[in-house]
């Protein structure tokens, strides 16, 4: 891979944000709106803290971490869709740009989005609700990194499906991540799921991250086991979806499907 080609693609997407209000709103306004809504729900539930001991303290932290995963996924899929909407996909892949370089650039864009959104949500949670996400301590770093990897997995898989099936699959860019939310155990522990669904949730890296977060906040034993599962599953699944992306790319190139995407 060539760094200058990755940098060029990242710069191309960064220029789009300079004078685009909708894109700015995607990074700042919508995450802030989510935080406000869930913040008020948390404030309301605080009145019943005696009946729901400790549960309400997890909501804002879970929301912030879930948004990390969501924005990591969006950073990849939306970057791909931007090329389709601009009818630029064929120009890109007709150039010396490799699929691996394209994926690397979209991953860099997702990191920028995650950083921007995280700063907004952490600051606003502190200002409006006196919530400090850093109470999670040093565990916060591996939790966030694993959620970014999980977002990449969903994002690369979604991009591969859109590449294969065209614009009719664009809805997956916004809906795919929510298919994983019920088994990610964002706002509730894994043991509330039915037994058969717990088995599926156990192979979801995000579920282990949120279980680990709850363990830290409730002063339970250190979540090393959950963190180990999250890392292992993320590495396996990331390797698999990157292989699927390259396979889909070669399939689309051989069948001439790339020409028809966005037409």
C-alpha atoms as a PDB file:
ATOM      1  CA  UNK A   1       0.000   0.000   0.000  1.00  0.00           C
ATOM      2  CA  UNK A   2       1.102   3.561  -0.757  1.00  0.00           C
ATOM      3  CA  UNK A   3       0.601   6.163   1.950  1.00  0.00           C
ATOM      4  CA  UNK A   4       0.277   9.058  -0.496  1.00  0.00           C
ATOM      5  CA  UNK A   5      -2.741   7.426  -2.204  1.00  0.00           C
ATOM      6  CA  UNK A   6      -4.419   6.825   1.147  1.00  0.00           C
ATOM      7  CA  UNK A   7      -3.704  10.438   2.146  1.00  0.00           C
ATOM      8  CA  UNK A   8      -5.141  11.732  -1.142  1.00  0.00           C
ATOM      9  CA  UNK A   9      -8.417   9.863  -0.615  1.00  0.00           C
ATOM     10  CA  UNK A  10      -8.676  11.037   2.998  1.00  0.00           C
ATOM     11  CA  UNK A  11      -8.023  14.643   1.926  1.00  0.00           C
ATOM     12  CA  UNK A  12     -10.703  14.336  -0.776  1.00  0.00           C
ATOM     13  CA  UNK A  13     -13.303  13.408   1.880  1.00  0.00           C
ATOM     14  CA  UNK A  14     -12.098  15.996   4.389  1.00  0.00           C
ATOM     15  CA  UNK A  15     -12.636  18.769   1.818  1.00  0.00           C
ATOM     16  CA  UNK A  16     -16.294  17.691   1.542  1.00  0.00           C
ATOM     17  CA  UNK A  17     -16.862  18.635   5.195  1.00  0.00           C
ATOM     18  CA  UNK A  18     -15.541  22.182   4.914  1.00  0.00           C
ATOM     19  CA  UNK A  19     -18.708  23.761   3.499  1.00  0.00           C
ATOM     20  CA  UNK A  20     -21.359  21.088   3.983  1.00  0.00           C
ATOM     21  CA  UNK A  21     -23.845  21.740   6.785  1.00  0.00           C
ATOM     22  CA  UNK A  22     -25.510  18.290   6.532  1.00  0.00           C
ATOM     23  CA  UNK A  23     -22.144  16.581   6.953  1.00  0.00           C
ATOM     24  CA  UNK A  24     -21.287  18.791   9.919  1.00  0.00           C
ATOM     25  CA  UNK A  25     -24.673  17.976  11.475  1.00  0.00           C
ATOM     26  CA  UNK A  26     -23.926  14.290  11.063  1.00  0.00           C
ATOM     27  CA  UNK A  27     -20.878  14.695  13.297  1.00  0.00           C
ATOM     28  CA  UNK A  28     -22.129  17.211  15.855  1.00  0.00           C
ATOM     29  CA  UNK A  29     -25.895  17.727  15.884  1.00  0.00           C
ATOM     30  CA  UNK A  30     -27.292  14.178  15.708  1.00  0.00           C
ATOM     31  CA  UNK A  31     -24.976  12.716  18.374  1.00  0.00           C
ATOM     32  CA  UNK A  32     -25.799  15.711  20.585  1.00  0.00           C
ATOM     33  CA  UNK A  33     -29.530  15.117  20.043  1.00  0.00           C
ATOM     34  CA  UNK A  34     -29.150  11.447  21.021  1.00  0.00           C
ATOM     35  CA  UNK A  35     -27.315  12.484  24.158  1.00  0.00           C
ATOM     36  CA  UNK A  36     -29.990  15.019  25.120  1.00  0.00           C
ATOM     37  CA  UNK A  37     -32.819  12.513  24.708  1.00  0.00           C
ATOM     38  CA  UNK A  38     -31.112   9.733  26.630  1.00  0.00           C
ATOM     39  CA  UNK A  39     -29.854  12.230  29.182  1.00  0.00           C
ATOM     40  CA  UNK A  40     -33.388  13.309  30.028  1.00  0.00           C
ATOM     41  CA  UNK A  41     -34.457   9.659  30.234  1.00  0.00           C
ATOM     42  CA  UNK A  42     -31.598   9.022  32.650  1.00  0.00           C
ATOM     43  CA  UNK A  43     -32.510  12.053  34.742  1.00  0.00           C
ATOM     44  CA  UNK A  44     -36.085  10.765  34.934  1.00  0.00           C
ATOM     45  CA  UNK A  45     -34.982   7.248  35.928  1.00  0.00           C
ATOM     46  CA  UNK A  46     -32.797   8.732  38.659  1.00  0.00           C
ATOM     47  CA  UNK A  47     -36.033   9.391  40.552  1.00  0.00           C
ATOM     48  CA  UNK A  48     -36.526   5.626  40.777  1.00  0.00           C
ATOM     49  CA  UNK A  49     -32.929   4.734  41.594  1.00  0.00           C
ATOM     50  CA  UNK A  50     -34.095   2.956  44.714  1.00  0.00           C
ATOM     51  CA  UNK A  51     -36.195   0.581  42.624  1.00  0.00           C
ATOM     52  CA  UNK A  52     -33.590   0.270  39.855  1.00  0.00           C
ATOM     53  CA  UNK A  53     -30.305   0.287  41.801  1.00  0.00           C
ATOM     54  CA  UNK A  54     -27.262   1.276  39.750  1.00  0.00           C
ATOM     55  CA  UNK A  55     -28.884   0.604  36.370  1.00  0.00           C
ATOM     56  CA  UNK A  56     -29.310   4.237  35.373  1.00  0.00           C
ATOM     57  CA  UNK A  57     -25.608   4.947  35.793  1.00  0.00           C
ATOM     58  CA  UNK A  58     -24.877   2.747  32.775  1.00  0.00           C
ATOM     59  CA  UNK A  59     -27.115   4.477  30.240  1.00  0.00           C
ATOM     60  CA  UNK A  60     -25.057   7.514  29.242  1.00  0.00           C
ATOM     61  CA  UNK A  61     -21.814   5.535  29.220  1.00  0.00           C
ATOM     62  CA  UNK A  62     -23.425   2.847  27.074  1.00  0.00           C
ATOM     63  CA  UNK A  63     -24.801   5.502  24.700  1.00  0.00           C
ATOM     64  CA  UNK A  64     -21.389   7.132  24.241  1.00  0.00           C
ATOM     65  CA  UNK A  65     -19.691   3.797  23.603  1.00  0.00           C
ATOM     66  CA  UNK A  66     -22.443   2.681  21.217  1.00  0.00           C
ATOM     67  CA  UNK A  67     -21.984   5.890  19.235  1.00  0.00           C
ATOM     68  CA  UNK A  68     -18.280   5.046  18.911  1.00  0.00           C
ATOM     69  CA  UNK A  69     -19.234   1.781  17.194  1.00  0.00           C
ATOM     70  CA  UNK A  70     -21.915   3.447  15.054  1.00  0.00           C
ATOM     71  CA  UNK A  71     -19.641   6.262  13.832  1.00  0.00           C
ATOM     72  CA  UNK A  72     -16.799   3.835  13.090  1.00  0.00           C
ATOM     73  CA  UNK A  73     -19.183   1.876  10.866  1.00  0.00           C
ATOM     74  CA  UNK A  74     -20.595   5.026   9.260  1.00  0.00           C
ATOM     75  CA  UNK A  75     -17.118   6.363   8.529  1.00  0.00           C
ATOM     76  CA  UNK A  76     -16.508   3.427   6.190  1.00  0.00           C
ATOM     77  CA  UNK A  77     -19.900   2.988   4.548  1.00  0.00           C
ATOM     78  CA  UNK A  78     -20.682   6.680   4.047  1.00  0.00           C
ATOM     79  CA  UNK A  79     -17.244   7.275   2.528  1.00  0.00           C
ATOM     80  CA  UNK A  80     -18.021   4.536   0.000  1.00  0.00           C
ATOM     81  CA  UNK A  81     -21.487   5.956  -0.695  1.00  0.00           C
ATOM     82  CA  UNK A  82     -19.982   9.419  -1.247  1.00  0.00           C
ATOM     83  CA  UNK A  83     -18.043   7.973  -4.166  1.00  0.00           C
ATOM     84  CA  UNK A  84     -21.196   6.377  -5.588  1.00  0.00           C
ATOM     85  CA  UNK A  85     -23.236   9.572  -5.262  1.00  0.00           C
ATOM     86  CA  UNK A  86     -20.465  11.566  -6.957  1.00  0.00           C
ATOM     87  CA  UNK A  87     -20.216   8.901  -9.702  1.00  0.00           C
ATOM     88  CA  UNK A  88     -16.538   8.680  -8.844  1.00  0.00           C
ATOM     89  CA  UNK A  89     -16.208   4.979  -8.059  1.00  0.00           C
ATOM     90  CA  UNK A  90     -15.014   3.954 -11.511  1.00  0.00           C
ATOM     91  CA  UNK A  91     -12.518   6.832 -11.576  1.00  0.00           C
ATOM     92  CA  UNK A  92     -11.039   5.627  -8.303  1.00  0.00           C
ATOM     93  CA  UNK A  93     -10.670   1.980  -9.235  1.00  0.00           C
ATOM     94  CA  UNK A  94      -9.461   2.838 -12.732  1.00  0.00           C
ATOM     95  CA  UNK A  95      -6.554   4.606 -11.026  1.00  0.00           C
ATOM     96  CA  UNK A  96      -3.631   2.788  -9.351  1.00  0.00           C
ATOM     97  CA  UNK A  97      -5.620   2.849  -6.075  1.00  0.00           C
ATOM     98  CA  UNK A  98      -5.823  -0.633  -4.552  1.00  0.00           C
ATOM     99  CA  UNK A  99      -8.871  -1.948  -2.657  1.00  0.00           C
ATOM    100  CA  UNK A 100      -6.715  -2.262   0.454  1.00  0.00           C
ATOM    101  CA  UNK A 101      -5.725   1.415   0.161  1.00  0.00           C
ATOM    102  CA  UNK A 102      -9.360   2.394  -0.260  1.00  0.00           C
ATOM    103  CA  UNK A 103     -10.291   0.478   2.902  1.00  0.00           C
ATOM    104  CA  UNK A 104      -7.377   2.030   4.790  1.00  0.00           C
ATOM    105  CA  UNK A 105      -8.519   5.542   3.809  1.00  0.00           C
ATOM    106  CA  UNK A 106     -12.106   4.871   4.908  1.00  0.00           C
ATOM    107  CA  UNK A 107     -10.818   3.509   8.226  1.00  0.00           C
ATOM    108  CA  UNK A 108      -8.831   6.715   8.759  1.00  0.00           C
ATOM    109  CA  UNK A 109     -11.986   8.723   8.024  1.00  0.00           C
ATOM    110  CA  UNK A 110     -13.913   6.654  10.553  1.00  0.00           C
ATOM    111  CA  UNK A 111     -11.280   7.423  13.208  1.00  0.00           C
ATOM    112  CA  UNK A 112     -11.684  11.155  12.530  1.00  0.00           C
ATOM    113  CA  UNK A 113     -15.460  10.842  12.908  1.00  0.00           C
ATOM    114  CA  UNK A 114     -15.166   8.809  16.105  1.00  0.00           C
ATOM    115  CA  UNK A 115     -12.792  11.365  17.639  1.00  0.00           C
ATOM    116  CA  UNK A 116     -15.008  14.332  16.732  1.00  0.00           C
ATOM    117  CA  UNK A 117     -18.226  12.704  17.919  1.00  0.00           C
ATOM    118  CA  UNK A 118     -16.624  11.382  21.106  1.00  0.00           C
ATOM    119  CA  UNK A 119     -15.344  14.824  22.096  1.00  0.00           C
ATOM    120  CA  UNK A 120     -18.796  16.354  21.550  1.00  0.00           C
ATOM    121  CA  UNK A 121     -20.607  13.673  23.559  1.00  0.00           C
ATOM    122  CA  UNK A 122     -18.109  13.494  26.416  1.00  0.00           C
ATOM    123  CA  UNK A 123     -18.044  17.284  26.853  1.00  0.00           C
ATOM    124  CA  UNK A 124     -21.832  17.634  26.634  1.00  0.00           C
ATOM    125  CA  UNK A 125     -22.419  14.732  29.021  1.00  0.00           C
ATOM    126  CA  UNK A 126     -20.150  16.431  31.517  1.00  0.00           C
ATOM    127  CA  UNK A 127     -21.667  19.885  31.092  1.00  0.00           C
ATOM    128  CA  UNK A 128     -25.362  18.974  31.036  1.00  0.00           C
ATOM    129  CA  UNK A 129     -25.537  15.828  33.173  1.00  0.00           C
ATOM    130  CA  UNK A 130     -22.316  15.864  35.221  1.00  0.00           C
ATOM    131  CA  UNK A 131     -21.472  12.478  33.770  1.00  0.00           C
ATOM    132  CA  UNK A 132     -17.827  11.489  33.512  1.00  0.00           C
ATOM    133  CA  UNK A 133     -17.137   8.629  31.092  1.00  0.00           C
ATOM    134  CA  UNK A 134     -13.600   8.434  32.465  1.00  0.00           C
ATOM    135  CA  UNK A 135     -14.876   6.734  35.630  1.00  0.00           C
ATOM    136  CA  UNK A 136     -14.339   3.572  33.588  1.00  0.00           C
ATOM    137  CA  UNK A 137     -10.630   4.257  34.014  1.00  0.00           C
ATOM    138  CA  UNK A 138      -7.907   2.683  31.907  1.00  0.00           C
ATOM    139  CA  UNK A 139     -10.372   0.060  30.691  1.00  0.00           C
ATOM    140  CA  UNK A 140     -11.908   2.780  28.513  1.00  0.00           C
ATOM    141  CA  UNK A 141      -9.028   2.629  26.014  1.00  0.00           C
ATOM    142  CA  UNK A 142      -9.307  -1.074  25.073  1.00  0.00           C
ATOM    143  CA  UNK A 143     -13.116  -0.830  25.164  1.00  0.00           C
ATOM    144  CA  UNK A 144     -13.130   2.021  22.636  1.00  0.00           C
ATOM    145  CA  UNK A 145     -10.520   0.383  20.392  1.00  0.00           C
ATOM    146  CA  UNK A 146     -12.546  -2.824  20.274  1.00  0.00           C
ATOM    147  CA  UNK A 147     -15.743  -0.962  19.449  1.00  0.00           C
ATOM    148  CA  UNK A 148     -13.941   0.814  16.601  1.00  0.00           C
ATOM    149  CA  UNK A 149     -12.824  -2.577  15.269  1.00  0.00           C
ATOM    150  CA  UNK A 150     -16.374  -3.912  15.534  1.00  0.00           C
ATOM    151  CA  UNK A 151     -17.638  -0.843  13.664  1.00  0.00           C
ATOM    152  CA  UNK A 152     -15.063  -1.504  10.949  1.00  0.00           C
ATOM    153  CA  UNK A 153     -16.221  -5.115  10.651  1.00  0.00           C
ATOM    154  CA  UNK A 154     -19.837  -4.063  10.124  1.00  0.00           C
ATOM    155  CA  UNK A 155     -18.779  -1.205   7.839  1.00  0.00           C
ATOM    156  CA  UNK A 156     -16.580  -3.332   5.573  1.00  0.00           C
ATOM    157  CA  UNK A 157     -19.256  -6.033   5.354  1.00  0.00           C
ATOM    158  CA  UNK A 158     -21.907  -3.439   4.478  1.00  0.00           C
ATOM    159  CA  UNK A 159     -19.642  -1.859   1.855  1.00  0.00           C
ATOM    160  CA  UNK A 160     -19.016  -5.244   0.257  1.00  0.00           C
ATOM    161  CA  UNK A 161     -22.764  -5.918   0.043  1.00  0.00           C
ATOM    162  CA  UNK A 162     -23.474  -2.483  -1.471  1.00  0.00           C
ATOM    163  CA  UNK A 163     -20.691  -3.040  -3.997  1.00  0.00           C
ATOM    164  CA  UNK A 164     -22.180  -6.386  -4.980  1.00  0.00           C
ATOM    165  CA  UNK A 165     -25.884  -5.474  -5.058  1.00  0.00           C
ATOM    166  CA  UNK A 166     -25.703  -1.782  -5.947  1.00  0.00           C
ATOM    167  CA  UNK A 167     -27.847   1.097  -4.788  1.00  0.00           C
ATOM    168  CA  UNK A 168     -30.743  -1.155  -3.821  1.00  0.00           C
ATOM    169  CA  UNK A 169     -28.611  -2.190  -0.851  1.00  0.00           C
ATOM    170  CA  UNK A 170     -27.793   1.379   0.233  1.00  0.00           C
ATOM    171  CA  UNK A 171     -30.300   1.193   3.081  1.00  0.00           C
ATOM    172  CA  UNK A 172     -27.882  -1.212   4.780  1.00  0.00           C
ATOM    173  CA  UNK A 173     -25.518   1.710   5.390  1.00  0.00           C
ATOM    174  CA  UNK A 174     -27.913   2.959   8.086  1.00  0.00           C
ATOM    175  CA  UNK A 175     -29.737  -0.199   9.129  1.00  0.00           C
ATOM    176  CA  UNK A 176     -27.071  -2.906   9.239  1.00  0.00           C
ATOM    177  CA  UNK A 177     -25.535  -1.763  12.523  1.00  0.00           C
ATOM    178  CA  UNK A 178     -28.943  -1.816  14.237  1.00  0.00           C
ATOM    179  CA  UNK A 179     -29.366  -5.479  13.325  1.00  0.00           C
ATOM    180  CA  UNK A 180     -26.508  -6.101  15.765  1.00  0.00           C
ATOM    181  CA  UNK A 181     -27.800  -3.822  18.533  1.00  0.00           C
ATOM    182  CA  UNK A 182     -30.165  -6.346  20.206  1.00  0.00           C
ATOM    183  CA  UNK A 183     -27.303  -8.840  20.589  1.00  0.00           C
ATOM    184  CA  UNK A 184     -24.782  -6.153  21.580  1.00  0.00           C
ATOM    185  CA  UNK A 185     -26.409  -5.807  25.023  1.00  0.00           C
ATOM    186  CA  UNK A 186     -25.860  -2.049  24.992  1.00  0.00           C
ATOM    187  CA  UNK A 187     -28.401  -1.078  27.662  1.00  0.00           C
ATOM    188  CA  UNK A 188     -29.008  -4.420  29.391  1.00  0.00           C
ATOM    189  CA  UNK A 189     -26.911  -7.388  30.534  1.00  0.00           C
ATOM    190  CA  UNK A 190     -26.517 -10.474  28.391  1.00  0.00           C
ATOM    191  CA  UNK A 191     -28.311 -12.727  30.866  1.00  0.00           C
ATOM    192  CA  UNK A 192     -31.688 -11.065  30.126  1.00  0.00           C
ATOM    193  CA  UNK A 193     -31.631 -12.546  26.619  1.00  0.00           C
ATOM    194  CA  UNK A 194     -33.207 -15.937  25.860  1.00  0.00           C
ATOM    195  CA  UNK A 195     -30.735 -18.792  26.064  1.00  0.00           C
ATOM    196  CA  UNK A 196     -30.470 -19.313  22.300  1.00  0.00           C
ATOM    197  CA  UNK A 197     -29.902 -15.584  21.753  1.00  0.00           C
ATOM    198  CA  UNK A 198     -27.199 -15.497  24.428  1.00  0.00           C
ATOM    199  CA  UNK A 199     -25.241 -18.017  22.358  1.00  0.00           C
ATOM    200  CA  UNK A 200     -25.370 -15.646  19.366  1.00  0.00           C
ATOM    201  CA  UNK A 201     -24.532 -12.616  21.526  1.00  0.00           C
ATOM    202  CA  UNK A 202     -21.492 -14.431  22.910  1.00  0.00           C
ATOM    203  CA  UNK A 203     -19.808 -14.316  19.484  1.00  0.00           C
ATOM    204  CA  UNK A 204     -20.542 -10.600  19.108  1.00  0.00           C
ATOM    205  CA  UNK A 205     -17.438  -8.604  20.171  1.00  0.00           C
ATOM    206  CA  UNK A 206     -19.530  -5.547  21.106  1.00  0.00           C
ATOM    207  CA  UNK A 207     -21.524  -7.552  23.664  1.00  0.00           C
ATOM    208  CA  UNK A 208     -18.316  -8.384  25.528  1.00  0.00           C
ATOM    209  CA  UNK A 209     -17.309  -4.722  25.577  1.00  0.00           C
ATOM    210  CA  UNK A 210     -20.617  -3.602  27.093  1.00  0.00           C
ATOM    211  CA  UNK A 211     -20.576  -6.500  29.567  1.00  0.00           C
ATOM    212  CA  UNK A 212     -17.077  -5.404  30.542  1.00  0.00           C
ATOM    213  CA  UNK A 213     -18.214  -1.796  30.977  1.00  0.00           C
ATOM    214  CA  UNK A 214     -20.989  -2.871  33.328  1.00  0.00           C
ATOM    215  CA  UNK A 215     -18.539  -5.022  35.276  1.00  0.00           C
ATOM    216  CA  UNK A 216     -16.207  -2.062  35.785  1.00  0.00           C
ATOM    217  CA  UNK A 217     -18.969   0.358  36.814  1.00  0.00           C
ATOM    218  CA  UNK A 218     -20.507  -2.117  39.248  1.00  0.00           C
ATOM    219  CA  UNK A 219     -17.128  -2.921  40.836  1.00  0.00           C
ATOM    220  CA  UNK A 220     -17.366  -6.557  39.723  1.00  0.00           C
ATOM    221  CA  UNK A 221     -14.238  -8.638  38.978  1.00  0.00           C
ATOM    222  CA  UNK A 222     -12.037  -7.174  36.245  1.00  0.00           C
ATOM    223  CA  UNK A 223     -13.451  -7.819  32.758  1.00  0.00           C
ATOM    224  CA  UNK A 224     -10.275  -9.406  31.412  1.00  0.00           C
ATOM    225  CA  UNK A 225     -12.114 -12.438  30.048  1.00  0.00           C
ATOM    226  CA  UNK A 226     -14.647 -10.311  28.191  1.00  0.00           C
ATOM    227  CA  UNK A 227     -11.872  -8.112  26.825  1.00  0.00           C
ATOM    228  CA  UNK A 228      -9.965 -11.170  25.621  1.00  0.00           C
ATOM    229  CA  UNK A 229     -13.039 -12.506  23.842  1.00  0.00           C
ATOM    230  CA  UNK A 230     -13.672  -9.106  22.228  1.00  0.00           C
ATOM    231  CA  UNK A 231     -10.104  -8.829  20.914  1.00  0.00           C
ATOM    232  CA  UNK A 232     -10.032 -12.401  19.585  1.00  0.00           C
ATOM    233  CA  UNK A 233     -13.407 -12.193  17.884  1.00  0.00           C
ATOM    234  CA  UNK A 234     -12.628  -8.780  16.376  1.00  0.00           C
ATOM    235  CA  UNK A 235      -9.372  -9.950  14.837  1.00  0.00           C
ATOM    236  CA  UNK A 236     -10.971 -13.070  13.361  1.00  0.00           C
ATOM    237  CA  UNK A 237     -14.018 -11.280  11.976  1.00  0.00           C
ATOM    238  CA  UNK A 238     -12.013  -8.325  10.641  1.00  0.00           C
ATOM    239  CA  UNK A 239      -9.767 -10.660   8.686  1.00  0.00           C
ATOM    240  CA  UNK A 240     -12.834 -12.481   7.334  1.00  0.00           C
ATOM    241  CA  UNK A 241     -14.715  -9.373   6.178  1.00  0.00           C
ATOM    242  CA  UNK A 242     -11.620  -7.889   4.521  1.00  0.00           C
ATOM    243  CA  UNK A 243     -11.254 -11.155   2.603  1.00  0.00           C
ATOM    244  CA  UNK A 244     -14.958 -10.957   1.669  1.00  0.00           C
ATOM    245  CA  UNK A 245     -14.499  -7.351   0.498  1.00  0.00           C
ATOM    246  CA  UNK A 246     -11.600  -8.321  -1.796  1.00  0.00           C
ATOM    247  CA  UNK A 247     -13.575 -11.290  -3.111  1.00  0.00           C
ATOM    248  CA  UNK A 248     -16.605  -9.097  -3.822  1.00  0.00           C
ATOM    249  CA  UNK A 249     -14.386  -6.504  -5.524  1.00  0.00           C
ATOM    250  CA  UNK A 250     -12.841  -9.100  -7.830  1.00  0.00           C
ATOM    251  CA  UNK A 251     -16.282 -10.554  -8.566  1.00  0.00           C
ATOM    252  CA  UNK A 252     -17.714  -7.122  -9.419  1.00  0.00           C
ATOM    253  CA  UNK A 253     -14.681  -6.253 -11.535  1.00  0.00           C
ATOM    254  CA  UNK A 254     -14.890  -9.470 -13.547  1.00  0.00           C
ATOM    255  CA  UNK A 255     -18.652  -9.108 -14.136  1.00  0.00           C
ATOM    256  CA  UNK A 256     -18.481  -5.384 -14.861  1.00  0.00           C
ATOM    257  CA  UNK A 257     -20.752  -4.550 -11.930  1.00  0.00           C
ATOM    258  CA  UNK A 258     -18.621  -1.595 -10.845  1.00  0.00           C
ATOM    259  CA  UNK A 259     -19.650   0.263 -14.003  1.00  0.00           C
ATOM    260  CA  UNK A 260     -23.331  -0.057 -13.125  1.00  0.00           C
ATOM    261  CA  UNK A 261     -23.059   1.063  -9.495  1.00  0.00           C
ATOM    262  CA  UNK A 262     -24.504   4.537  -9.183  1.00  0.00           C
ATOM    263  CA  UNK A 263     -25.902   4.592 -12.712  1.00  0.00           C
END
